[in-house]
Amino acid sequence: MSCGHPHDDCASVLEHVYEYIDHEMEDDDCATVQQHLDDCSPCLAEYGLEQAVKSLVHRCCSETAPDELRAKVLSKIRQVQEGAAADVRCVPVESVDSAQPSDDAAAAKQSPALS
């Protein structure tokens, strides 16, 4: 039976309410939360709100994109991946191996860093 008044452990229960909703708690912890919700109407109301939000998000986000849209997106992803791979292939290995450090980089290697 609900007393209608918050209890000392309300913050702890509400902190773990999603774990309770998703059945991701140990049985003992689940029983403790259930007992608290049975006794505390403010937490029960909060639990109901959180459960409703989670249900709404699940319903709204469970749709899949139309096949035509999925095909266009996958095609664009492949084009970008192929373009990136082509950019990497365009850099000659010799130019990477023979690159000389700049005068600033060489000077930095010779003089110790100031702290």
PDB file of N, CA and C in Angstrom:
ATOM      1  N   MET A   1       0.821  -1.179   0.000  1.00  0.00           N
ATOM      2  CA  MET A   1       0.000   0.000   0.000  1.00  0.00           C
ATOM      3  C   MET A   1       0.876   1.257   0.000  1.00  0.00           C
ATOM      4  N   SER A   2       0.522   2.202  -0.820  1.00  0.00           N
ATOM      5  CA  SER A   2       1.309   3.420  -0.938  1.00  0.00           C
ATOM      6  C   SER A   2       0.986   4.403   0.173  1.00  0.00           C
ATOM      7  N   CYS A   3       2.046   4.974   0.731  1.00  0.00           N
ATOM      8  CA  CYS A   3       1.860   5.968   1.785  1.00  0.00           C
ATOM      9  C   CYS A   3       1.738   7.366   1.201  1.00  0.00           C
ATOM     10  N   GLY A   4       2.262   7.565  -0.011  1.00  0.00           N
ATOM     11  CA  GLY A   4       2.191   8.869  -0.643  1.00  0.00           C
ATOM     12  C   GLY A   4       3.322   9.807  -0.297  1.00  0.00           C
ATOM     13  N   HIS A   5       4.241   9.386   0.572  1.00  0.00           N
ATOM     14  CA  HIS A   5       5.352  10.243   0.974  1.00  0.00           C
ATOM     15  C   HIS A   5       6.669   9.626   0.515  1.00  0.00           C
ATOM     16  N   PRO A   6       7.590  10.454   0.024  1.00  0.00           N
ATOM     17  CA  PRO A   6       8.901   9.925  -0.379  1.00  0.00           C
ATOM     18  C   PRO A   6       9.644   9.308   0.802  1.00  0.00           C
ATOM     19  N   HIS A   7      10.474   8.337   0.516  1.00  0.00           N
ATOM     20  CA  HIS A   7      11.274   7.651   1.532  1.00  0.00           C
ATOM     21  C   HIS A   7      12.745   8.034   1.372  1.00  0.00           C
ATOM     22  N   ASP A   8      13.558   7.601   2.327  1.00  0.00           N
ATOM     23  CA  ASP A   8      14.994   7.904   2.287  1.00  0.00           C
ATOM     24  C   ASP A   8      15.690   7.296   1.078  1.00  0.00           C
ATOM     25  N   ASP A   9      15.220   6.141   0.597  1.00  0.00           N
ATOM     26  CA  ASP A   9      15.916   5.454  -0.483  1.00  0.00           C
ATOM     27  C   ASP A   9      15.324   5.747  -1.869  1.00  0.00           C
ATOM     28  N   CYS A  10      14.497   6.766  -1.992  1.00  0.00           N
ATOM     29  CA  CYS A  10      13.883   7.101  -3.286  1.00  0.00           C
ATOM     30  C   CYS A  10      14.932   7.392  -4.355  1.00  0.00           C
ATOM     31  N   ALA A  11      15.940   8.171  -4.019  1.00  0.00           N
ATOM     32  CA  ALA A  11      16.965   8.534  -5.004  1.00  0.00           C
ATOM     33  C   ALA A  11      17.657   7.284  -5.539  1.00  0.00           C
ATOM     34  N   SER A  12      17.955   6.348  -4.669  1.00  0.00           N
ATOM     35  CA  SER A  12      18.617   5.116  -5.083  1.00  0.00           C
ATOM     36  C   SER A  12      17.716   4.291  -5.998  1.00  0.00           C
ATOM     37  N   VAL A  13      16.450   4.194  -5.646  1.00  0.00           N
ATOM     38  CA  VAL A  13      15.504   3.430  -6.470  1.00  0.00           C
ATOM     39  C   VAL A  13      15.369   4.078  -7.842  1.00  0.00           C
ATOM     40  N   LEU A  14      15.183   5.383  -7.885  1.00  0.00           N
ATOM     41  CA  LEU A  14      15.000   6.067  -9.167  1.00  0.00           C
ATOM     42  C   LEU A  14      16.266   6.056 -10.007  1.00  0.00           C
ATOM     43  N   GLU A  15      17.421   5.988  -9.350  1.00  0.00           N
ATOM     44  CA  GLU A  15      18.685   5.909 -10.080  1.00  0.00           C
ATOM     45  C   GLU A  15      18.776   4.602 -10.876  1.00  0.00           C
ATOM     46  N   HIS A  16      18.118   3.567 -10.390  1.00  0.00           N
ATOM     47  CA  HIS A  16      18.201   2.248 -11.025  1.00  0.00           C
ATOM     48  C   HIS A  16      16.896   1.827 -11.695  1.00  0.00           C
ATOM     49  N   VAL A  17      15.999   2.782 -11.921  1.00  0.00           N
ATOM     50  CA  VAL A  17      14.691   2.427 -12.444  1.00  0.00           C
ATOM     51  C   VAL A  17      14.773   1.816 -13.847  1.00  0.00           C
ATOM     52  N   TYR A  18      15.713   2.284 -14.688  1.00  0.00           N
ATOM     53  CA  TYR A  18      15.822   1.702 -16.033  1.00  0.00           C
ATOM     54  C   TYR A  18      16.323   0.266 -15.973  1.00  0.00           C
ATOM     55  N   GLU A  19      17.212  -0.026 -15.054  1.00  0.00           N
ATOM     56  CA  GLU A  19      17.652  -1.407 -14.872  1.00  0.00           C
ATOM     57  C   GLU A  19      16.472  -2.281 -14.467  1.00  0.00           C
ATOM     58  N   TYR A  20      15.612  -1.747 -13.618  1.00  0.00           N
ATOM     59  CA  TYR A  20      14.426  -2.473 -13.183  1.00  0.00           C
ATOM     60  C   TYR A  20      13.475  -2.690 -14.365  1.00  0.00           C
ATOM     61  N   ILE A  21      13.240  -1.641 -15.127  1.00  0.00           N
ATOM     62  CA  ILE A  21      12.351  -1.734 -16.291  1.00  0.00           C
ATOM     63  C   ILE A  21      12.868  -2.766 -17.284  1.00  0.00           C
ATOM     64  N   ASP A  22      14.177  -2.790 -17.487  1.00  0.00           N
ATOM     65  CA  ASP A  22      14.790  -3.690 -18.475  1.00  0.00           C
ATOM     66  C   ASP A  22      15.093  -5.077 -17.926  1.00  0.00           C
ATOM     67  N   HIS A  23      14.715  -5.327 -16.673  1.00  0.00           N
ATOM     68  CA  HIS A  23      14.960  -6.629 -16.028  1.00  0.00           C
ATOM     69  C   HIS A  23      16.454  -6.965 -16.015  1.00  0.00           C
ATOM     70  N   GLU A  24      17.281  -5.979 -15.692  1.00  0.00           N
ATOM     71  CA  GLU A  24      18.733  -6.150 -15.671  1.00  0.00           C
ATOM     72  C   GLU A  24      19.283  -6.172 -14.248  1.00  0.00           C
ATOM     73  N   MET A  25      18.414  -6.403 -13.277  1.00  0.00           N
ATOM     74  CA  MET A  25      18.833  -6.405 -11.871  1.00  0.00           C
ATOM     75  C   MET A  25      18.829  -7.831 -11.335  1.00  0.00           C
ATOM     76  N   GLU A  26      19.624  -8.025 -10.296  1.00  0.00           N
ATOM     77  CA  GLU A  26      19.588  -9.297  -9.582  1.00  0.00           C
ATOM     78  C   GLU A  26      18.210  -9.444  -8.937  1.00  0.00           C
ATOM     79  N   ASP A  27      17.791 -10.673  -8.689  1.00  0.00           N
ATOM     80  CA  ASP A  27      16.464 -10.925  -8.140  1.00  0.00           C
ATOM     81  C   ASP A  27      16.230 -10.201  -6.814  1.00  0.00           C
ATOM     82  N   ASP A  28      17.247 -10.220  -5.934  1.00  0.00           N
ATOM     83  CA  ASP A  28      17.092  -9.551  -4.632  1.00  0.00           C
ATOM     84  C   ASP A  28      16.895  -8.044  -4.800  1.00  0.00           C
ATOM     85  N   ASP A  29      17.690  -7.430  -5.685  1.00  0.00           N
ATOM     86  CA  ASP A  29      17.570  -5.990  -5.930  1.00  0.00           C
ATOM     87  C   ASP A  29      16.222  -5.666  -6.572  1.00  0.00           C
ATOM     88  N   CYS A  30      15.806  -6.537  -7.471  1.00  0.00           N
ATOM     89  CA  CYS A  30      14.518  -6.348  -8.146  1.00  0.00           C
ATOM     90  C   CYS A  30      13.377  -6.379  -7.121  1.00  0.00           C
ATOM     91  N   ALA A  31      13.453  -7.312  -6.192  1.00  0.00           N
ATOM     92  CA  ALA A  31      12.429  -7.410  -5.153  1.00  0.00           C
ATOM     93  C   ALA A  31      12.433  -6.173  -4.261  1.00  0.00           C
ATOM     94  N   THR A  32      13.617  -5.650  -3.969  1.00  0.00           N
ATOM     95  CA  THR A  32      13.720  -4.437  -3.140  1.00  0.00           C
ATOM     96  C   THR A  32      13.072  -3.252  -3.847  1.00  0.00           C
ATOM     97  N   VAL A  33      13.357  -3.093  -5.145  1.00  0.00           N
ATOM     98  CA  VAL A  33      12.763  -1.990  -5.908  1.00  0.00           C
ATOM     99  C   VAL A  33      11.255  -2.170  -5.978  1.00  0.00           C
ATOM    100  N   GLN A  34      10.804  -3.402  -6.243  1.00  0.00           N
ATOM    101  CA  GLN A  34       9.370  -3.653  -6.331  1.00  0.00           C
ATOM    102  C   GLN A  34       8.670  -3.313  -5.014  1.00  0.00           C
ATOM    103  N   GLN A  35       9.281  -3.708  -3.905  1.00  0.00           N
ATOM    104  CA  GLN A  35       8.705  -3.403  -2.595  1.00  0.00           C
ATOM    105  C   GLN A  35       8.627  -1.896  -2.380  1.00  0.00           C
ATOM    106  N   HIS A  36       9.684  -1.185  -2.774  1.00  0.00           N
ATOM    107  CA  HIS A  36       9.699   0.270  -2.632  1.00  0.00           C
ATOM    108  C   HIS A  36       8.590   0.896  -3.479  1.00  0.00           C
ATOM    109  N   LEU A  37       8.452   0.434  -4.724  1.00  0.00           N
ATOM    110  CA  LEU A  37       7.421   0.987  -5.595  1.00  0.00           C
ATOM    111  C   LEU A  37       6.022   0.700  -5.039  1.00  0.00           C
ATOM    112  N   ASP A  38       5.861  -0.447  -4.417  1.00  0.00           N
ATOM    113  CA  ASP A  38       4.572  -0.784  -3.801  1.00  0.00           C
ATOM    114  C   ASP A  38       4.245   0.153  -2.641  1.00  0.00           C
ATOM    115  N   ASP A  39       5.282   0.637  -1.958  1.00  0.00           N
ATOM    116  CA  ASP A  39       5.094   1.456  -0.759  1.00  0.00           C
ATOM    117  C   ASP A  39       5.163   2.962  -1.011  1.00  0.00           C
ATOM    118  N   CYS A  40       5.638   3.385  -2.168  1.00  0.00           N
ATOM    119  CA  CYS A  40       5.925   4.807  -2.387  1.00  0.00           C
ATOM    120  C   CYS A  40       5.264   5.287  -3.680  1.00  0.00           C
ATOM    121  N   SER A  41       4.165   5.967  -3.558  1.00  0.00           N
ATOM    122  CA  SER A  41       3.436   6.407  -4.753  1.00  0.00           C
ATOM    123  C   SER A  41       4.211   7.434  -5.597  1.00  0.00           C
ATOM    124  N   PRO A  42       5.006   8.361  -5.004  1.00  0.00           N
ATOM    125  CA  PRO A  42       5.783   9.263  -5.866  1.00  0.00           C
ATOM    126  C   PRO A  42       6.766   8.501  -6.761  1.00  0.00           C
ATOM    127  N   CYS A  43       7.420   7.486  -6.203  1.00  0.00           N
ATOM    128  CA  CYS A  43       8.357   6.698  -7.020  1.00  0.00           C
ATOM    129  C   CYS A  43       7.601   5.849  -8.034  1.00  0.00           C
ATOM    130  N   LEU A  44       6.445   5.333  -7.643  1.00  0.00           N
ATOM    131  CA  LEU A  44       5.629   4.553  -8.566  1.00  0.00           C
ATOM    132  C   LEU A  44       5.201   5.417  -9.747  1.00  0.00           C
ATOM    133  N   ALA A  45       4.849   6.671  -9.486  1.00  0.00           N
ATOM    134  CA  ALA A  45       4.466   7.588 -10.558  1.00  0.00           C
ATOM    135  C   ALA A  45       5.652   7.862 -11.479  1.00  0.00           C
ATOM    136  N   GLU A  46       6.832   8.076 -10.887  1.00  0.00           N
ATOM    137  CA  GLU A  46       8.054   8.314 -11.676  1.00  0.00           C
ATOM    138  C   GLU A  46       8.390   7.089 -12.507  1.00  0.00           C
ATOM    139  N   TYR A  47       8.275   5.910 -11.900  1.00  0.00           N
ATOM    140  CA  TYR A  47       8.508   4.649 -12.612  1.00  0.00           C
ATOM    141  C   TYR A  47       7.565   4.535 -13.802  1.00  0.00           C
ATOM    142  N   GLY A  48       6.288   4.856 -13.597  1.00  0.00           N
ATOM    143  CA  GLY A  48       5.311   4.789 -14.686  1.00  0.00           C
ATOM    144  C   GLY A  48       5.666   5.734 -15.818  1.00  0.00           C
ATOM    145  N   LEU A  49       6.135   6.929 -15.468  1.00  0.00           N
ATOM    146  CA  LEU A  49       6.544   7.899 -16.482  1.00  0.00           C
ATOM    147  C   LEU A  49       7.754   7.386 -17.265  1.00  0.00           C
ATOM    148  N   GLU A  50       8.750   6.889 -16.548  1.00  0.00           N
ATOM    149  CA  GLU A  50       9.949   6.374 -17.215  1.00  0.00           C
ATOM    150  C   GLU A  50       9.613   5.191 -18.115  1.00  0.00           C
ATOM    151  N   GLN A  51       8.720   4.330 -17.651  1.00  0.00           N
ATOM    152  CA  GLN A  51       8.320   3.173 -18.447  1.00  0.00           C
ATOM    153  C   GLN A  51       7.576   3.632 -19.703  1.00  0.00           C
ATOM    154  N   ALA A  52       6.736   4.639 -19.573  1.00  0.00           N
ATOM    155  CA  ALA A  52       6.004   5.166 -20.722  1.00  0.00           C
ATOM    156  C   ALA A  52       6.951   5.800 -21.737  1.00  0.00           C
ATOM    157  N   VAL A  53       7.935   6.565 -21.261  1.00  0.00           N
ATOM    158  CA  VAL A  53       8.912   7.190 -22.156  1.00  0.00           C
ATOM    159  C   VAL A  53       9.704   6.115 -22.902  1.00  0.00           C
ATOM    160  N   LYS A  54      10.167   5.125 -22.180  1.00  0.00           N
ATOM    161  CA  LYS A  54      10.942   4.050 -22.805  1.00  0.00           C
ATOM    162  C   LYS A  54      10.105   3.320 -23.855  1.00  0.00           C
ATOM    163  N   SER A  55       8.856   3.065 -23.560  1.00  0.00           N
ATOM    164  CA  SER A  55       7.957   2.397 -24.495  1.00  0.00           C
ATOM    165  C   SER A  55       7.731   3.253 -25.744  1.00  0.00           C
ATOM    166  N   LEU A  56       7.537   4.559 -25.545  1.00  0.00           N
ATOM    167  CA  LEU A  56       7.334   5.479 -26.661  1.00  0.00           C
ATOM    168  C   LEU A  56       8.567   5.531 -27.561  1.00  0.00           C
ATOM    169  N   VAL A  57       9.736   5.631 -26.960  1.00  0.00           N
ATOM    170  CA  VAL A  57      10.982   5.664 -27.738  1.00  0.00           C
ATOM    171  C   VAL A  57      11.134   4.368 -28.531  1.00  0.00           C
ATOM    172  N   HIS A  58      10.830   3.249 -27.901  1.00  0.00           N
ATOM    173  CA  HIS A  58      10.939   1.963 -28.589  1.00  0.00           C
ATOM    174  C   HIS A  58       9.997   1.906 -29.792  1.00  0.00           C
ATOM    175  N   ARG A  59       8.768   2.362 -29.599  1.00  0.00           N
ATOM    176  CA  ARG A  59       7.796   2.347 -30.702  1.00  0.00           C
ATOM    177  C   ARG A  59       8.228   3.267 -31.830  1.00  0.00           C
ATOM    178  N   CYS A  60       8.717   4.448 -31.489  1.00  0.00           N
ATOM    179  CA  CYS A  60       9.071   5.436 -32.504  1.00  0.00           C
ATOM    180  C   CYS A  60      10.380   5.123 -33.221  1.00  0.00           C
ATOM    181  N   CYS A  61      11.248   4.400 -32.570  1.00  0.00           N
ATOM    182  CA  CYS A  61      12.569   4.146 -33.152  1.00  0.00           C
ATOM    183  C   CYS A  61      12.707   2.736 -33.701  1.00  0.00           C
ATOM    184  N   SER A  62      11.634   1.986 -33.745  1.00  0.00           N
ATOM    185  CA  SER A  62      11.752   0.615 -34.212  1.00  0.00           C
ATOM    186  C   SER A  62      11.429   0.472 -35.697  1.00  0.00           C
ATOM    187  N   GLU A  63      11.040   1.557 -36.334  1.00  0.00           N
ATOM    188  CA  GLU A  63      10.754   1.504 -37.762  1.00  0.00           C
ATOM    189  C   GLU A  63      12.044   1.398 -38.548  1.00  0.00           C
ATOM    190  N   THR A  64      11.974   0.756 -39.695  1.00  0.00           N
ATOM    191  CA  THR A  64      13.140   0.675 -40.565  1.00  0.00           C
ATOM    192  C   THR A  64      12.942   1.627 -41.738  1.00  0.00           C
ATOM    193  N   ALA A  65      14.039   2.067 -42.277  1.00  0.00           N
ATOM    194  CA  ALA A  65      13.989   2.979 -43.411  1.00  0.00           C
ATOM    195  C   ALA A  65      13.478   2.231 -44.647  1.00  0.00           C
ATOM    196  N   PRO A  66      12.812   2.946 -45.552  1.00  0.00           N
ATOM    197  CA  PRO A  66      12.370   2.304 -46.794  1.00  0.00           C
ATOM    198  C   PRO A  66      13.571   1.764 -47.569  1.00  0.00           C
ATOM    199  N   ASP A  67      13.344   0.694 -48.317  1.00  0.00           N
ATOM    200  CA  ASP A  67      14.431   0.037 -49.054  1.00  0.00           C
ATOM    201  C   ASP A  67      15.168   0.996 -49.989  1.00  0.00           C
ATOM    202  N   GLU A  68      14.423   1.875 -50.650  1.00  0.00           N
ATOM    203  CA  GLU A  68      15.050   2.829 -51.582  1.00  0.00           C
ATOM    204  C   GLU A  68      16.009   3.773 -50.842  1.00  0.00           C
ATOM    205  N   LEU A  69      15.596   4.263 -49.686  1.00  0.00           N
ATOM    206  CA  LEU A  69      16.450   5.150 -48.890  1.00  0.00           C
ATOM    207  C   LEU A  69      17.679   4.397 -48.390  1.00  0.00           C
ATOM    208  N   ARG A  70      17.475   3.182 -47.907  1.00  0.00           N
ATOM    209  CA  ARG A  70      18.603   2.368 -47.429  1.00  0.00           C
ATOM    210  C   ARG A  70      19.617   2.156 -48.548  1.00  0.00           C
ATOM    211  N   ALA A  71      19.142   1.866 -49.758  1.00  0.00           N
ATOM    212  CA  ALA A  71      20.035   1.629 -50.898  1.00  0.00           C
ATOM    213  C   ALA A  71      20.830   2.894 -51.238  1.00  0.00           C
ATOM    214  N   LYS A  72      20.175   4.059 -51.201  1.00  0.00           N
ATOM    215  CA  LYS A  72      20.869   5.323 -51.493  1.00  0.00           C
ATOM    216  C   LYS A  72      21.946   5.610 -50.450  1.00  0.00           C
ATOM    217  N   VAL A  73      21.609   5.416 -49.180  1.00  0.00           N
ATOM    218  CA  VAL A  73      22.578   5.681 -48.106  1.00  0.00           C
ATOM    219  C   VAL A  73      23.761   4.735 -48.224  1.00  0.00           C
ATOM    220  N   LEU A  74      23.519   3.450 -48.449  1.00  0.00           N
ATOM    221  CA  LEU A  74      24.616   2.484 -48.589  1.00  0.00           C
ATOM    222  C   LEU A  74      25.478   2.799 -49.796  1.00  0.00           C
ATOM    223  N   SER A  75      24.856   3.251 -50.875  1.00  0.00           N
ATOM    224  CA  SER A  75      25.616   3.627 -52.064  1.00  0.00           C
ATOM    225  C   SER A  75      26.545   4.805 -51.766  1.00  0.00           C
ATOM    226  N   LYS A  76      26.038   5.816 -51.067  1.00  0.00           N
ATOM    227  CA  LYS A  76      26.863   6.976 -50.705  1.00  0.00           C
ATOM    228  C   LYS A  76      28.014   6.565 -49.781  1.00  0.00           C
ATOM    229  N   ILE A  77      27.738   5.691 -48.840  1.00  0.00           N
ATOM    230  CA  ILE A  77      28.787   5.224 -47.928  1.00  0.00           C
ATOM    231  C   ILE A  77      29.885   4.528 -48.729  1.00  0.00           C
ATOM    232  N   ARG A  78      29.490   3.680 -49.661  1.00  0.00           N
ATOM    233  CA  ARG A  78      30.496   2.975 -50.494  1.00  0.00           C
ATOM    234  C   ARG A  78      31.319   3.962 -51.323  1.00  0.00           C
ATOM    235  N   GLN A  79      30.648   4.995 -51.877  1.00  0.00           N
ATOM    236  CA  GLN A  79      31.368   5.996 -52.666  1.00  0.00           C
ATOM    237  C   GLN A  79      32.406   6.715 -51.807  1.00  0.00           C
ATOM    238  N   VAL A  80      32.034   7.078 -50.607  1.00  0.00           N
ATOM    239  CA  VAL A  80      32.960   7.766 -49.708  1.00  0.00           C
ATOM    240  C   VAL A  80      34.116   6.844 -49.345  1.00  0.00           C
ATOM    241  N   GLN A  81      33.808   5.589 -49.043  1.00  0.00           N
ATOM    242  CA  GLN A  81      34.861   4.634 -48.691  1.00  0.00           C
ATOM    243  C   GLN A  81      35.807   4.406 -49.859  1.00  0.00           C
ATOM    244  N   GLU A  82      35.275   4.281 -51.063  1.00  0.00           N
ATOM    245  CA  GLU A  82      36.120   4.082 -52.251  1.00  0.00           C
ATOM    246  C   GLU A  82      36.965   5.316 -52.523  1.00  0.00           C
ATOM    247  N   GLY A  83      36.385   6.508 -52.322  1.00  0.00           N
ATOM    248  CA  GLY A  83      37.136   7.746 -52.512  1.00  0.00           C
ATOM    249  C   GLY A  83      38.269   7.873 -51.511  1.00  0.00           C
ATOM    250  N   ALA A  84      38.023   7.495 -50.278  1.00  0.00           N
ATOM    251  CA  ALA A  84      39.065   7.547 -49.251  1.00  0.00           C
ATOM    252  C   ALA A  84      40.165   6.549 -49.563  1.00  0.00           C
ATOM    253  N   ALA A  85      39.790   5.375 -50.032  1.00  0.00           N
ATOM    254  CA  ALA A  85      40.785   4.364 -50.382  1.00  0.00           C
ATOM    255  C   ALA A  85      41.604   4.827 -51.577  1.00  0.00           C
ATOM    256  N   ALA A  86      40.967   5.492 -52.552  1.00  0.00           N
ATOM    257  CA  ALA A  86      41.687   5.998 -53.718  1.00  0.00           C
ATOM    258  C   ALA A  86      42.658   7.099 -53.319  1.00  0.00           C
ATOM    259  N   ASP A  87      42.283   7.957 -52.369  1.00  0.00           N
ATOM    260  CA  ASP A  87      43.172   9.016 -51.893  1.00  0.00           C
ATOM    261  C   ASP A  87      44.425   8.429 -51.263  1.00  0.00           C
ATOM    262  N   VAL A  88      44.271   7.376 -50.516  1.00  0.00           N
ATOM    263  CA  VAL A  88      45.418   6.736 -49.869  1.00  0.00           C
ATOM    264  C   VAL A  88      46.322   6.113 -50.909  1.00  0.00           C
ATOM    265  N   ARG A  89      45.726   5.528 -51.948  1.00  0.00           N
ATOM    266  CA  ARG A  89      46.531   4.887 -52.998  1.00  0.00           C
ATOM    267  C   ARG A  89      47.284   5.906 -53.843  1.00  0.00           C
ATOM    268  N   CYS A  90      46.841   7.161 -53.898  1.00  0.00           N
ATOM    269  CA  CYS A  90      47.469   8.181 -54.740  1.00  0.00           C
ATOM    270  C   CYS A  90      48.764   8.727 -54.161  1.00  0.00           C
ATOM    271  N   VAL A  91      49.057   8.513 -52.908  1.00  0.00           N
ATOM    272  CA  VAL A  91      50.275   9.037 -52.298  1.00  0.00           C
ATOM    273  C   VAL A  91      51.409   8.051 -52.578  1.00  0.00           C
ATOM    274  N   PRO A  92      52.417   8.456 -53.372  1.00  0.00           N
ATOM    275  CA  PRO A  92      53.523   7.538 -53.655  1.00  0.00           C
ATOM    276  C   PRO A  92      54.324   7.237 -52.385  1.00  0.00           C
ATOM    277  N   VAL A  93      54.721   6.005 -52.240  1.00  0.00           N
ATOM    278  CA  VAL A  93      55.480   5.580 -51.072  1.00  0.00           C
ATOM    279  C   VAL A  93      56.805   6.318 -51.013  1.00  0.00           C
ATOM    280  N   GLU A  94      57.442   6.571 -52.183  1.00  0.00           N
ATOM    281  CA  GLU A  94      58.738   7.248 -52.199  1.00  0.00           C
ATOM    282  C   GLU A  94      58.643   8.640 -51.589  1.00  0.00           C
ATOM    283  N   SER A  95      57.538   9.336 -51.838  1.00  0.00           N
ATOM    284  CA  SER A  95      57.429  10.696 -51.309  1.00  0.00           C
ATOM    285  C   SER A  95      57.290  10.682 -49.788  1.00  0.00           C
ATOM    286  N   VAL A  96      56.698   9.651 -49.242  1.00  0.00           N
ATOM    287  CA  VAL A  96      56.575   9.541 -47.801  1.00  0.00           C
ATOM    288  C   VAL A  96      57.926   9.198 -47.189  1.00  0.00           C
ATOM    289  N   ASP A  97      58.677   8.260 -47.810  1.00  0.00           N
ATOM    290  CA  ASP A  97      59.971   7.827 -47.294  1.00  0.00           C
ATOM    291  C   ASP A  97      61.037   8.914 -47.422  1.00  0.00           C
ATOM    292  N   SER A  98      60.987   9.695 -48.498  1.00  0.00           N
ATOM    293  CA  SER A  98      62.061  10.654 -48.745  1.00  0.00           C
ATOM    294  C   SER A  98      61.770  12.042 -48.198  1.00  0.00           C
ATOM    295  N   ALA A  99      60.676  12.215 -47.532  1.00  0.00           N
ATOM    296  CA  ALA A  99      60.326  13.536 -46.996  1.00  0.00           C
ATOM    297  C   ALA A  99      61.378  13.975 -45.994  1.00  0.00           C
ATOM    298  N   GLN A 100      61.848  15.195 -46.157  1.00  0.00           N
ATOM    299  CA  GLN A 100      62.856  15.761 -45.265  1.00  0.00           C
ATOM    300  C   GLN A 100      62.157  16.577 -44.195  1.00  0.00           C
ATOM    301  N   PRO A 101      62.619  16.496 -42.970  1.00  0.00           N
ATOM    302  CA  PRO A 101      62.013  17.321 -41.930  1.00  0.00           C
ATOM    303  C   PRO A 101      62.285  18.797 -42.195  1.00  0.00           C
ATOM    304  N   SER A 102      61.379  19.631 -41.783  1.00  0.00           N
ATOM    305  CA  SER A 102      61.556  21.069 -41.965  1.00  0.00           C
ATOM    306  C   SER A 102      62.684  21.551 -41.059  1.00  0.00           C
ATOM    307  N   ASP A 103      63.183  22.765 -41.342  1.00  0.00           N
ATOM    308  CA  ASP A 103      64.259  23.331 -40.526  1.00  0.00           C
ATOM    309  C   ASP A 103      63.807  23.465 -39.073  1.00  0.00           C
ATOM    310  N   ASP A 104      62.545  23.829 -38.855  1.00  0.00           N
ATOM    311  CA  ASP A 104      62.033  23.968 -37.496  1.00  0.00           C
ATOM    312  C   ASP A 104      62.041  22.629 -36.772  1.00  0.00           C
ATOM    313  N   ALA A 105      61.645  21.571 -37.452  1.00  0.00           N
ATOM    314  CA  ALA A 105      61.606  20.249 -36.833  1.00  0.00           C
ATOM    315  C   ALA A 105      63.017  19.776 -36.506  1.00  0.00           C
ATOM    316  N   ALA A 106      63.950  20.022 -37.400  1.00  0.00           N
ATOM    317  CA  ALA A 106      65.333  19.621 -37.156  1.00  0.00           C
ATOM    318  C   ALA A 106      65.911  20.406 -35.978  1.00  0.00           C
ATOM    319  N   ALA A 107      65.605  21.699 -35.895  1.00  0.00           N
ATOM    320  CA  ALA A 107      66.109  22.511 -34.787  1.00  0.00           C
ATOM    321  C   ALA A 107      65.505  22.050 -33.480  1.00  0.00           C
ATOM    322  N   ALA A 108      64.254  21.661 -33.484  1.00  0.00           N
ATOM    323  CA  ALA A 108      63.610  21.199 -32.261  1.00  0.00           C
ATOM    324  C   ALA A 108      64.246  19.910 -31.758  1.00  0.00           C
ATOM    325  N   LYS A 109      64.671  19.052 -32.682  1.00  0.00           N
ATOM    326  CA  LYS A 109      65.313  17.794 -32.272  1.00  0.00           C
ATOM    327  C   LYS A 109      66.684  18.068 -31.648  1.00  0.00           C
ATOM    328  N   GLN A 110      67.367  19.121 -32.111  1.00  0.00           N
ATOM    329  CA  GLN A 110      68.721  19.395 -31.631  1.00  0.00           C
ATOM    330  C   GLN A 110      68.722  20.126 -30.299  1.00  0.00           C
ATOM    331  N   SER A 111      67.756  20.992 -30.034  1.00  0.00           N
ATOM    332  CA  SER A 111      67.758  21.742 -28.787  1.00  0.00           C
ATOM    333  C   SER A 111      66.739  21.143 -27.826  1.00  0.00           C
ATOM    334  N   PRO A 112      67.101  21.066 -26.539  1.00  0.00           N
ATOM    335  CA  PRO A 112      66.158  20.495 -25.574  1.00  0.00           C
ATOM    336  C   PRO A 112      64.957  21.409 -25.388  1.00  0.00           C
ATOM    337  N   ALA A 113      63.832  20.801 -25.061  1.00  0.00           N
ATOM    338  CA  ALA A 113      62.588  21.565 -24.849  1.00  0.00           C
ATOM    339  C   ALA A 113      62.681  22.315 -23.527  1.00  0.00           C
ATOM    340  N   LEU A 114      62.102  23.500 -23.517  1.00  0.00           N
ATOM    341  CA  LEU A 114      62.058  24.287 -22.297  1.00  0.00           C
ATOM    342  C   LEU A 114      60.814  23.935 -21.522  1.00  0.00           C
ATOM    343  N   SER A 115      60.915  23.790 -20.229  1.00  0.00           N
ATOM    344  CA  SER A 115      59.737  23.458 -19.424  1.00  0.00           C
ATOM    345  C   SER A 115      59.244  24.677 -18.718  1.00  0.00           C
TER     346      SER A 115
END
